[in-house]
Amino acid sequence: MGYSPEVKRSEQFGTAFLRFALPYKAGHVFTIEPGCYFIPELIEKWKSEGKYREFINYDKLSKFMTIGGVRIEDNVMITEKGHKVLGKLIPKTVKEIEAVCS
């Protein structure tokens, strides 16, 4: 899905599972879901194998392992003049999130 003979799936860590690499056009809707997930078994495996050190600071990561992860999700439609976030806007900045939690 989302690939063609000219556009192949990336093999780069972090981008290999993007599902749409065709030219964007008005009317396309994408779920933008940046996230950071901590899977202890996988992270320990990578650390022991010396993998992805250019992307992961394993020493700093250790203090966040109990969190599990976090994700912020928006559905965004491409328009003729730019884009439109569909649905209710959600807090994203530290200040906005702290205000909601207080």
PDB file of N, CA and C in Angstrom:
ATOM      1  N   MET A   1       0.843  -1.174   0.000  1.00  0.00           N
ATOM      2  CA  MET A   1       0.000   0.000   0.000  1.00  0.00           C
ATOM      3  C   MET A   1       0.887   1.235   0.000  1.00  0.00           C
ATOM      4  N   GLY A   2       0.623   2.170  -0.882  1.00  0.00           N
ATOM      5  CA  GLY A   2       1.336   3.428  -0.861  1.00  0.00           C
ATOM      6  C   GLY A   2       2.719   3.412  -1.470  1.00  0.00           C
ATOM      7  N   TYR A   3       3.051   2.368  -2.222  1.00  0.00           N
ATOM      8  CA  TYR A   3       4.345   2.307  -2.873  1.00  0.00           C
ATOM      9  C   TYR A   3       4.141   2.047  -4.362  1.00  0.00           C
ATOM     10  N   SER A   4       5.170   2.276  -5.132  1.00  0.00           N
ATOM     11  CA  SER A   4       5.111   2.055  -6.568  1.00  0.00           C
ATOM     12  C   SER A   4       6.450   1.477  -7.015  1.00  0.00           C
ATOM     13  N   PRO A   5       6.571   1.102  -8.282  1.00  0.00           N
ATOM     14  CA  PRO A   5       7.878   0.602  -8.747  1.00  0.00           C
ATOM     15  C   PRO A   5       9.001   1.629  -8.564  1.00  0.00           C
ATOM     16  N   GLU A   6       8.665   2.932  -8.597  1.00  0.00           N
ATOM     17  CA  GLU A   6       9.675   3.973  -8.430  1.00  0.00           C
ATOM     18  C   GLU A   6       9.947   4.303  -6.964  1.00  0.00           C
ATOM     19  N   VAL A   7       8.951   4.092  -6.112  1.00  0.00           N
ATOM     20  CA  VAL A   7       9.074   4.446  -4.692  1.00  0.00           C
ATOM     21  C   VAL A   7       9.059   3.158  -3.878  1.00  0.00           C
ATOM     22  N   LYS A   8      10.197   2.835  -3.277  1.00  0.00           N
ATOM     23  CA  LYS A   8      10.350   1.603  -2.498  1.00  0.00           C
ATOM     24  C   LYS A   8      10.308   1.909  -0.998  1.00  0.00           C
ATOM     25  N   ARG A   9       9.987   0.902  -0.223  1.00  0.00           N
ATOM     26  CA  ARG A   9       9.988   1.032   1.232  1.00  0.00           C
ATOM     27  C   ARG A   9      11.409   1.294   1.719  1.00  0.00           C
ATOM     28  N   SER A  10      11.554   2.233   2.638  1.00  0.00           N
ATOM     29  CA  SER A  10      12.852   2.554   3.218  1.00  0.00           C
ATOM     30  C   SER A  10      13.315   1.419   4.126  1.00  0.00           C
ATOM     31  N   GLU A  11      14.602   1.265   4.246  1.00  0.00           N
ATOM     32  CA  GLU A  11      15.155   0.294   5.184  1.00  0.00           C
ATOM     33  C   GLU A  11      15.758   0.977   6.400  1.00  0.00           C
ATOM     34  N   GLN A  12      15.667   2.321   6.473  1.00  0.00           N
ATOM     35  CA  GLN A  12      16.252   3.072   7.585  1.00  0.00           C
ATOM     36  C   GLN A  12      15.446   2.859   8.856  1.00  0.00           C
ATOM     37  N   PHE A  13      16.144   2.657   9.959  1.00  0.00           N
ATOM     38  CA  PHE A  13      15.507   2.526  11.264  1.00  0.00           C
ATOM     39  C   PHE A  13      14.575   3.715  11.504  1.00  0.00           C
ATOM     40  N   GLY A  14      13.352   3.446  11.905  1.00  0.00           N
ATOM     41  CA  GLY A  14      12.403   4.511  12.216  1.00  0.00           C
ATOM     42  C   GLY A  14      11.522   4.926  11.049  1.00  0.00           C
ATOM     43  N   THR A  15      11.908   4.584   9.834  1.00  0.00           N
ATOM     44  CA  THR A  15      11.083   4.965   8.678  1.00  0.00           C
ATOM     45  C   THR A  15      10.680   3.759   7.828  1.00  0.00           C
ATOM     46  N   ALA A  16      11.126   2.583   8.185  1.00  0.00           N
ATOM     47  CA  ALA A  16      10.872   1.397   7.364  1.00  0.00           C
ATOM     48  C   ALA A  16       9.393   1.010   7.308  1.00  0.00           C
ATOM     49  N   PHE A  17       8.598   1.470   8.250  1.00  0.00           N
ATOM     50  CA  PHE A  17       7.203   1.048   8.275  1.00  0.00           C
ATOM     51  C   PHE A  17       6.230   2.178   7.958  1.00  0.00           C
ATOM     52  N   LEU A  18       6.722   3.253   7.345  1.00  0.00           N
ATOM     53  CA  LEU A  18       5.814   4.270   6.841  1.00  0.00           C
ATOM     54  C   LEU A  18       4.985   3.615   5.746  1.00  0.00           C
ATOM     55  N   ARG A  19       3.697   3.916   5.694  1.00  0.00           N
ATOM     56  CA  ARG A  19       2.822   3.175   4.800  1.00  0.00           C
ATOM     57  C   ARG A  19       2.386   3.936   3.557  1.00  0.00           C
ATOM     58  N   PHE A  20       2.944   5.123   3.342  1.00  0.00           N
ATOM     59  CA  PHE A  20       2.502   5.889   2.183  1.00  0.00           C
ATOM     60  C   PHE A  20       3.657   6.721   1.657  1.00  0.00           C
ATOM     61  N   ALA A  21       4.111   6.407   0.470  1.00  0.00           N
ATOM     62  CA  ALA A  21       5.255   7.128  -0.091  1.00  0.00           C
ATOM     63  C   ALA A  21       4.961   7.624  -1.503  1.00  0.00           C
ATOM     64  N   LEU A  22       3.698   7.800  -1.828  1.00  0.00           N
ATOM     65  CA  LEU A  22       3.315   8.321  -3.139  1.00  0.00           C
ATOM     66  C   LEU A  22       3.148   9.830  -3.058  1.00  0.00           C
ATOM     67  N   PRO A  23       3.087  10.515  -4.184  1.00  0.00           N
ATOM     68  CA  PRO A  23       2.883  11.978  -4.142  1.00  0.00           C
ATOM     69  C   PRO A  23       1.564  12.320  -3.424  1.00  0.00           C
ATOM     70  N   TYR A  24       1.630  13.299  -2.555  1.00  0.00           N
ATOM     71  CA  TYR A  24       0.444  13.719  -1.816  1.00  0.00           C
ATOM     72  C   TYR A  24      -0.417  14.600  -2.699  1.00  0.00           C
ATOM     73  N   LYS A  25      -1.745  14.554  -2.469  1.00  0.00           N
ATOM     74  CA  LYS A  25      -2.631  15.451  -3.206  1.00  0.00           C
ATOM     75  C   LYS A  25      -3.830  15.808  -2.333  1.00  0.00           C
ATOM     76  N   ALA A  26      -4.481  16.892  -2.706  1.00  0.00           N
ATOM     77  CA  ALA A  26      -5.637  17.372  -1.947  1.00  0.00           C
ATOM     78  C   ALA A  26      -6.662  16.245  -1.791  1.00  0.00           C
ATOM     79  N   GLY A  27      -7.205  16.152  -0.579  1.00  0.00           N
ATOM     80  CA  GLY A  27      -8.187  15.115  -0.270  1.00  0.00           C
ATOM     81  C   GLY A  27      -7.603  13.930   0.469  1.00  0.00           C
ATOM     82  N   HIS A  28      -6.288  13.726   0.384  1.00  0.00           N
ATOM     83  CA  HIS A  28      -5.675  12.647   1.163  1.00  0.00           C
ATOM     84  C   HIS A  28      -5.769  12.987   2.646  1.00  0.00           C
ATOM     85  N   VAL A  29      -6.061  11.995   3.453  1.00  0.00           N
ATOM     86  CA  VAL A  29      -6.115  12.165   4.907  1.00  0.00           C
ATOM     87  C   VAL A  29      -5.090  11.230   5.525  1.00  0.00           C
ATOM     88  N   PHE A  30      -4.321  11.773   6.458  1.00  0.00           N
ATOM     89  CA  PHE A  30      -3.286  11.009   7.134  1.00  0.00           C
ATOM     90  C   PHE A  30      -3.494  11.082   8.639  1.00  0.00           C
ATOM     91  N   THR A  31      -3.203  10.009   9.317  1.00  0.00           N
ATOM     92  CA  THR A  31      -3.148  10.030  10.773  1.00  0.00           C
ATOM     93  C   THR A  31      -1.691  10.278  11.132  1.00  0.00           C
ATOM     94  N   ILE A  32      -1.458  11.393  11.779  1.00  0.00           N
ATOM     95  CA  ILE A  32      -0.115  11.759  12.220  1.00  0.00           C
ATOM     96  C   ILE A  32      -0.037  11.366  13.683  1.00  0.00           C
ATOM     97  N   GLU A  33       0.785  10.396  13.986  1.00  0.00           N
ATOM     98  CA  GLU A  33       0.826   9.877  15.342  1.00  0.00           C
ATOM     99  C   GLU A  33       2.256   9.712  15.842  1.00  0.00           C
ATOM    100  N   PRO A  34       2.914  10.845  16.065  1.00  0.00           N
ATOM    101  CA  PRO A  34       4.259  10.702  16.618  1.00  0.00           C
ATOM    102  C   PRO A  34       4.186  10.055  17.989  1.00  0.00           C
ATOM    103  N   GLY A  35       5.051   9.131  18.207  1.00  0.00           N
ATOM    104  CA  GLY A  35       5.030   8.448  19.488  1.00  0.00           C
ATOM    105  C   GLY A  35       6.407   7.969  19.871  1.00  0.00           C
ATOM    106  N   CYS A  36       6.525   7.670  21.110  1.00  0.00           N
ATOM    107  CA  CYS A  36       7.757   7.121  21.652  1.00  0.00           C
ATOM    108  C   CYS A  36       7.327   5.987  22.573  1.00  0.00           C
ATOM    109  N   TYR A  37       7.681   4.763  22.220  1.00  0.00           N
ATOM    110  CA  TYR A  37       7.257   3.591  22.973  1.00  0.00           C
ATOM    111  C   TYR A  37       8.472   2.891  23.557  1.00  0.00           C
ATOM    112  N   PHE A  38       8.354   2.457  24.784  1.00  0.00           N
ATOM    113  CA  PHE A  38       9.454   1.789  25.458  1.00  0.00           C
ATOM    114  C   PHE A  38       9.089   0.323  25.668  1.00  0.00           C
ATOM    115  N   ILE A  39       9.725  -0.552  24.923  1.00  0.00           N
ATOM    116  CA  ILE A  39       9.511  -1.991  25.032  1.00  0.00           C
ATOM    117  C   ILE A  39      10.794  -2.563  25.630  1.00  0.00           C
ATOM    118  N   PRO A  40      10.795  -2.786  26.934  1.00  0.00           N
ATOM    119  CA  PRO A  40      12.035  -3.156  27.629  1.00  0.00           C
ATOM    120  C   PRO A  40      12.799  -4.318  27.002  1.00  0.00           C
ATOM    121  N   GLU A  41      12.111  -5.399  26.635  1.00  0.00           N
ATOM    122  CA  GLU A  41      12.803  -6.563  26.081  1.00  0.00           C
ATOM    123  C   GLU A  41      13.502  -6.218  24.769  1.00  0.00           C
ATOM    124  N   LEU A  42      12.840  -5.444  23.929  1.00  0.00           N
ATOM    125  CA  LEU A  42      13.421  -5.070  22.643  1.00  0.00           C
ATOM    126  C   LEU A  42      14.591  -4.108  22.825  1.00  0.00           C
ATOM    127  N   ILE A  43      14.418  -3.145  23.724  1.00  0.00           N
ATOM    128  CA  ILE A  43      15.485  -2.172  23.974  1.00  0.00           C
ATOM    129  C   ILE A  43      16.716  -2.860  24.566  1.00  0.00           C
ATOM    130  N   GLU A  44      16.508  -3.769  25.493  1.00  0.00           N
ATOM    131  CA  GLU A  44      17.647  -4.507  26.070  1.00  0.00           C
ATOM    132  C   GLU A  44      18.349  -5.356  25.015  1.00  0.00           C
ATOM    133  N   LYS A  45      17.584  -5.952  24.104  1.00  0.00           N
ATOM    134  CA  LYS A  45      18.167  -6.746  23.015  1.00  0.00           C
ATOM    135  C   LYS A  45      19.035  -5.851  22.128  1.00  0.00           C
ATOM    136  N   TRP A  46      18.488  -4.721  21.714  1.00  0.00           N
ATOM    137  CA  TRP A  46      19.256  -3.802  20.866  1.00  0.00           C
ATOM    138  C   TRP A  46      20.518  -3.312  21.571  1.00  0.00           C
ATOM    139  N   LYS A  47      20.371  -2.989  22.869  1.00  0.00           N
ATOM    140  CA  LYS A  47      21.525  -2.495  23.633  1.00  0.00           C
ATOM    141  C   LYS A  47      22.623  -3.559  23.683  1.00  0.00           C
ATOM    142  N   SER A  48      22.244  -4.799  23.973  1.00  0.00           N
ATOM    143  CA  SER A  48      23.235  -5.879  24.072  1.00  0.00           C
ATOM    144  C   SER A  48      23.882  -6.184  22.727  1.00  0.00           C
ATOM    145  N   GLU A  49      23.153  -5.925  21.630  1.00  0.00           N
ATOM    146  CA  GLU A  49      23.694  -6.142  20.286  1.00  0.00           C
ATOM    147  C   GLU A  49      24.429  -4.915  19.751  1.00  0.00           C
ATOM    148  N   GLY A  50      24.413  -3.819  20.509  1.00  0.00           N
ATOM    149  CA  GLY A  50      25.073  -2.589  20.072  1.00  0.00           C
ATOM    150  C   GLY A  50      24.368  -1.902  18.909  1.00  0.00           C
ATOM    151  N   LYS A  51      23.076  -2.158  18.756  1.00  0.00           N
ATOM    152  CA  LYS A  51      22.324  -1.595  17.630  1.00  0.00           C
ATOM    153  C   LYS A  51      21.799  -0.193  17.926  1.00  0.00           C
ATOM    154  N   TYR A  52      21.672   0.595  16.877  1.00  0.00           N
ATOM    155  CA  TYR A  52      20.975   1.892  16.879  1.00  0.00           C
ATOM    156  C   TYR A  52      21.547   2.912  17.855  1.00  0.00           C
ATOM    157  N   ARG A  53      22.817   2.787  18.198  1.00  0.00           N
ATOM    158  CA  ARG A  53      23.435   3.745  19.127  1.00  0.00           C
ATOM    159  C   ARG A  53      23.441   5.163  18.581  1.00  0.00           C
ATOM    160  N   GLU A  54      23.397   5.320  17.264  1.00  0.00           N
ATOM    161  CA  GLU A  54      23.346   6.656  16.684  1.00  0.00           C
ATOM    162  C   GLU A  54      21.970   7.309  16.869  1.00  0.00           C
ATOM    163  N   PHE A  55      20.959   6.521  17.240  1.00  0.00           N
ATOM    164  CA  PHE A  55      19.606   7.031  17.446  1.00  0.00           C
ATOM    165  C   PHE A  55      19.159   6.985  18.911  1.00  0.00           C
ATOM    166  N   ILE A  56      19.719   6.072  19.686  1.00  0.00           N
ATOM    167  CA  ILE A  56      19.239   5.834  21.055  1.00  0.00           C
ATOM    168  C   ILE A  56      20.367   6.034  22.058  1.00  0.00           C
ATOM    169  N   ASN A  57      20.133   6.891  23.052  1.00  0.00           N
ATOM    170  CA  ASN A  57      21.050   7.056  24.173  1.00  0.00           C
ATOM    171  C   ASN A  57      20.534   6.119  25.267  1.00  0.00           C
ATOM    172  N   TYR A  58      21.076   4.916  25.322  1.00  0.00           N
ATOM    173  CA  TYR A  58      20.571   3.892  26.225  1.00  0.00           C
ATOM    174  C   TYR A  58      20.683   4.299  27.695  1.00  0.00           C
ATOM    175  N   ASP A  59      21.727   5.042  28.068  1.00  0.00           N
ATOM    176  CA  ASP A  59      21.879   5.460  29.464  1.00  0.00           C
ATOM    177  C   ASP A  59      20.750   6.396  29.872  1.00  0.00           C
ATOM    178  N   LYS A  60      20.435   7.389  29.048  1.00  0.00           N
ATOM    179  CA  LYS A  60      19.348   8.316  29.373  1.00  0.00           C
ATOM    180  C   LYS A  60      17.989   7.638  29.302  1.00  0.00           C
ATOM    181  N   LEU A  61      17.840   6.708  28.379  1.00  0.00           N
ATOM    182  CA  LEU A  61      16.563   6.025  28.188  1.00  0.00           C
ATOM    183  C   LEU A  61      16.148   5.215  29.415  1.00  0.00           C
ATOM    184  N   SER A  62      17.098   4.693  30.145  1.00  0.00           N
ATOM    185  CA  SER A  62      16.785   3.801  31.265  1.00  0.00           C
ATOM    186  C   SER A  62      15.838   4.426  32.286  1.00  0.00           C
ATOM    187  N   LYS A  63      15.923   5.742  32.507  1.00  0.00           N
ATOM    188  CA  LYS A  63      15.046   6.357  33.516  1.00  0.00           C
ATOM    189  C   LYS A  63      13.603   6.526  33.029  1.00  0.00           C
ATOM    190  N   PHE A  64      13.337   6.299  31.756  1.00  0.00           N
ATOM    191  CA  PHE A  64      11.983   6.446  31.215  1.00  0.00           C
ATOM    192  C   PHE A  64      11.299   5.103  30.934  1.00  0.00           C
ATOM    193  N   MET A  65      11.974   4.011  31.176  1.00  0.00           N
ATOM    194  CA  MET A  65      11.452   2.691  30.814  1.00  0.00           C
ATOM    195  C   MET A  65      10.118   2.353  31.474  1.00  0.00           C
ATOM    196  N   THR A  66       9.848   2.870  32.660  1.00  0.00           N
ATOM    197  CA  THR A  66       8.604   2.516  33.345  1.00  0.00           C
ATOM    198  C   THR A  66       7.381   3.258  32.794  1.00  0.00           C
ATOM    199  N   ILE A  67       7.599   4.263  31.962  1.00  0.00           N
ATOM    200  CA  ILE A  67       6.487   5.054  31.421  1.00  0.00           C
ATOM    201  C   ILE A  67       5.667   4.255  30.416  1.00  0.00           C
ATOM    202  N   GLY A  68       6.312   3.436  29.620  1.00  0.00           N
ATOM    203  CA  GLY A  68       5.617   2.660  28.600  1.00  0.00           C
ATOM    204  C   GLY A  68       5.605   3.362  27.261  1.00  0.00           C
ATOM    205  N   GLY A  69       5.319   4.649  27.264  1.00  0.00           N
ATOM    206  CA  GLY A  69       5.330   5.396  26.010  1.00  0.00           C
ATOM    207  C   GLY A  69       4.295   6.500  26.009  1.00  0.00           C
ATOM    208  N   VAL A  70       4.313   7.261  24.939  1.00  0.00           N
ATOM    209  CA  VAL A  70       3.373   8.364  24.776  1.00  0.00           C
ATOM    210  C   VAL A  70       3.147   8.578  23.282  1.00  0.00           C
ATOM    211  N   ARG A  71       1.926   8.981  22.929  1.00  0.00           N
ATOM    212  CA  ARG A  71       1.614   9.256  21.526  1.00  0.00           C
ATOM    213  C   ARG A  71       0.644  10.425  21.450  1.00  0.00           C
ATOM    214  N   ILE A  72       0.869  11.290  20.469  1.00  0.00           N
ATOM    215  CA  ILE A  72      -0.037  12.401  20.177  1.00  0.00           C
ATOM    216  C   ILE A  72      -0.561  12.141  18.770  1.00  0.00           C
ATOM    217  N   GLU A  73      -1.878  12.167  18.598  1.00  0.00           N
ATOM    218  CA  GLU A  73      -2.441  11.774  17.312  1.00  0.00           C
ATOM    219  C   GLU A  73      -3.377  12.831  16.745  1.00  0.00           C
ATOM    220  N   ASP A  74      -3.193  13.148  15.467  1.00  0.00           N
ATOM    221  CA  ASP A  74      -4.081  14.046  14.728  1.00  0.00           C
ATOM    222  C   ASP A  74      -4.407  13.417  13.379  1.00  0.00           C
ATOM    223  N   ASN A  75      -5.618  13.661  12.886  1.00  0.00           N
ATOM    224  CA  ASN A  75      -5.974  13.315  11.522  1.00  0.00           C
ATOM    225  C   ASN A  75      -5.908  14.604  10.717  1.00  0.00           C
ATOM    226  N   VAL A  76      -5.127  14.589   9.652  1.00  0.00           N
ATOM    227  CA  VAL A  76      -4.872  15.796   8.880  1.00  0.00           C
ATOM    228  C   VAL A  76      -5.229  15.541   7.415  1.00  0.00           C
ATOM    229  N   MET A  77      -6.014  16.468   6.854  1.00  0.00           N
ATOM    230  CA  MET A  77      -6.389  16.370   5.448  1.00  0.00           C
ATOM    231  C   MET A  77      -5.604  17.398   4.638  1.00  0.00           C
ATOM    232  N   ILE A  78      -5.068  16.957   3.521  1.00  0.00           N
ATOM    233  CA  ILE A  78      -4.396  17.884   2.606  1.00  0.00           C
ATOM    234  C   ILE A  78      -5.478  18.630   1.831  1.00  0.00           C
ATOM    235  N   THR A  79      -5.367  19.948   1.785  1.00  0.00           N
ATOM    236  CA  THR A  79      -6.315  20.780   1.045  1.00  0.00           C
ATOM    237  C   THR A  79      -5.599  21.413  -0.146  1.00  0.00           C
ATOM    238  N   GLU A  80      -6.352  22.099  -0.977  1.00  0.00           N
ATOM    239  CA  GLU A  80      -5.757  22.783  -2.124  1.00  0.00           C
ATOM    240  C   GLU A  80      -4.773  23.868  -1.684  1.00  0.00           C
ATOM    241  N   LYS A  81      -5.012  24.446  -0.484  1.00  0.00           N
ATOM    242  CA  LYS A  81      -4.171  25.560  -0.020  1.00  0.00           C
ATOM    243  C   LYS A  81      -3.268  25.195   1.157  1.00  0.00           C
ATOM    244  N   GLY A  82      -3.221  23.940   1.538  1.00  0.00           N
ATOM    245  CA  GLY A  82      -2.382  23.564   2.673  1.00  0.00           C
ATOM    246  C   GLY A  82      -2.912  22.310   3.342  1.00  0.00           C
ATOM    247  N   HIS A  83      -3.353  22.457   4.586  1.00  0.00           N
ATOM    248  CA  HIS A  83      -3.867  21.302   5.325  1.00  0.00           C
ATOM    249  C   HIS A  83      -4.917  21.754   6.329  1.00  0.00           C
ATOM    250  N   LYS A  84      -5.667  20.776   6.848  1.00  0.00           N
ATOM    251  CA  LYS A  84      -6.682  21.034   7.871  1.00  0.00           C
ATOM    252  C   LYS A  84      -6.638  19.888   8.870  1.00  0.00           C
ATOM    253  N   VAL A  85      -6.518  20.229  10.147  1.00  0.00           N
ATOM    254  CA  VAL A  85      -6.578  19.217  11.202  1.00  0.00           C
ATOM    255  C   VAL A  85      -8.044  18.891  11.415  1.00  0.00           C
ATOM    256  N   LEU A  86      -8.385  17.619  11.307  1.00  0.00           N
ATOM    257  CA  LEU A  86      -9.768  17.182  11.487  1.00  0.00           C
ATOM    258  C   LEU A  86     -10.008  16.864  12.960  1.00  0.00           C
ATOM    259  N   GLY A  87     -11.168  17.192  13.438  1.00  0.00           N
ATOM    260  CA  GLY A  87     -11.498  16.915  14.829  1.00  0.00           C
ATOM    261  C   GLY A  87     -11.056  18.031  15.752  1.00  0.00           C
ATOM    262  N   LYS A  88     -11.283  17.791  17.027  1.00  0.00           N
ATOM    263  CA  LYS A  88     -10.960  18.767  18.065  1.00  0.00           C
ATOM    264  C   LYS A  88      -9.444  18.854  18.267  1.00  0.00           C
ATOM    265  N   LEU A  89      -8.932  20.075  18.391  1.00  0.00           N
ATOM    266  CA  LEU A  89      -7.510  20.256  18.664  1.00  0.00           C
ATOM    267  C   LEU A  89      -7.198  19.743  20.069  1.00  0.00           C
ATOM    268  N   ILE A  90      -6.056  19.128  20.233  1.00  0.00           N
ATOM    269  CA  ILE A  90      -5.665  18.573  21.525  1.00  0.00           C
ATOM    270  C   ILE A  90      -4.425  19.286  22.041  1.00  0.00           C
ATOM    271  N   PRO A  91      -4.245  19.304  23.368  1.00  0.00           N
ATOM    272  CA  PRO A  91      -3.048  19.946  23.925  1.00  0.00           C
ATOM    273  C   PRO A  91      -1.795  19.186  23.503  1.00  0.00           C
ATOM    274  N   LYS A  92      -0.745  19.965  23.170  1.00  0.00           N
ATOM    275  CA  LYS A  92       0.509  19.336  22.736  1.00  0.00           C
ATOM    276  C   LYS A  92       1.733  19.898  23.431  1.00  0.00           C
ATOM    277  N   THR A  93       1.703  21.158  23.806  1.00  0.00           N
ATOM    278  CA  THR A  93       2.874  21.738  24.459  1.00  0.00           C
ATOM    279  C   THR A  93       2.869  21.359  25.930  1.00  0.00           C
ATOM    280  N   VAL A  94       4.027  21.464  26.565  1.00  0.00           N
ATOM    281  CA  VAL A  94       4.117  21.176  27.998  1.00  0.00           C
ATOM    282  C   VAL A  94       3.131  22.054  28.763  1.00  0.00           C
ATOM    283  N   LYS A  95       3.088  23.338  28.434  1.00  0.00           N
ATOM    284  CA  LYS A  95       2.205  24.277  29.120  1.00  0.00           C
ATOM    285  C   LYS A  95       0.735  23.870  28.962  1.00  0.00           C
ATOM    286  N   GLU A  96       0.331  23.499  27.746  1.00  0.00           N
ATOM    287  CA  GLU A  96      -1.054  23.092  27.505  1.00  0.00           C
ATOM    288  C   GLU A  96      -1.410  21.805  28.265  1.00  0.00           C
ATOM    289  N   ILE A  97      -0.503  20.866  28.260  1.00  0.00           N
ATOM    290  CA  ILE A  97      -0.762  19.577  28.951  1.00  0.00           C
ATOM    291  C   ILE A  97      -0.813  19.777  30.452  1.00  0.00           C
ATOM    292  N   GLU A  98       0.100  20.577  31.004  1.00  0.00           N
ATOM    293  CA  GLU A  98       0.077  20.855  32.440  1.00  0.00           C
ATOM    294  C   GLU A  98      -1.224  21.561  32.838  1.00  0.00           C
ATOM    295  N   ALA A  99      -1.727  22.451  31.981  1.00  0.00           N
ATOM    296  CA  ALA A  99      -2.985  23.143  32.276  1.00  0.00           C
ATOM    297  C   ALA A  99      -4.149  22.168  32.335  1.00  0.00           C
ATOM    298  N   VAL A 100      -4.177  21.202  31.437  1.00  0.00           N
ATOM    299  CA  VAL A 100      -5.253  20.204  31.427  1.00  0.00           C
ATOM    300  C   VAL A 100      -5.155  19.304  32.665  1.00  0.00           C
ATOM    301  N   CYS A 101      -3.950  18.980  33.075  1.00  0.00           N
ATOM    302  CA  CYS A 101      -3.746  18.050  34.198  1.00  0.00           C
ATOM    303  C   CYS A 101      -3.906  18.707  35.568  1.00  0.00           C
ATOM    304  N   SER A 102      -3.920  20.046  35.619  1.00  0.00           N
ATOM    305  CA  SER A 102      -3.998  20.684  36.940  1.00  0.00           C
ATOM    306  C   SER A 102      -5.418  20.865  37.408  1.00  0.00           C
TER     307      SER A 102
END
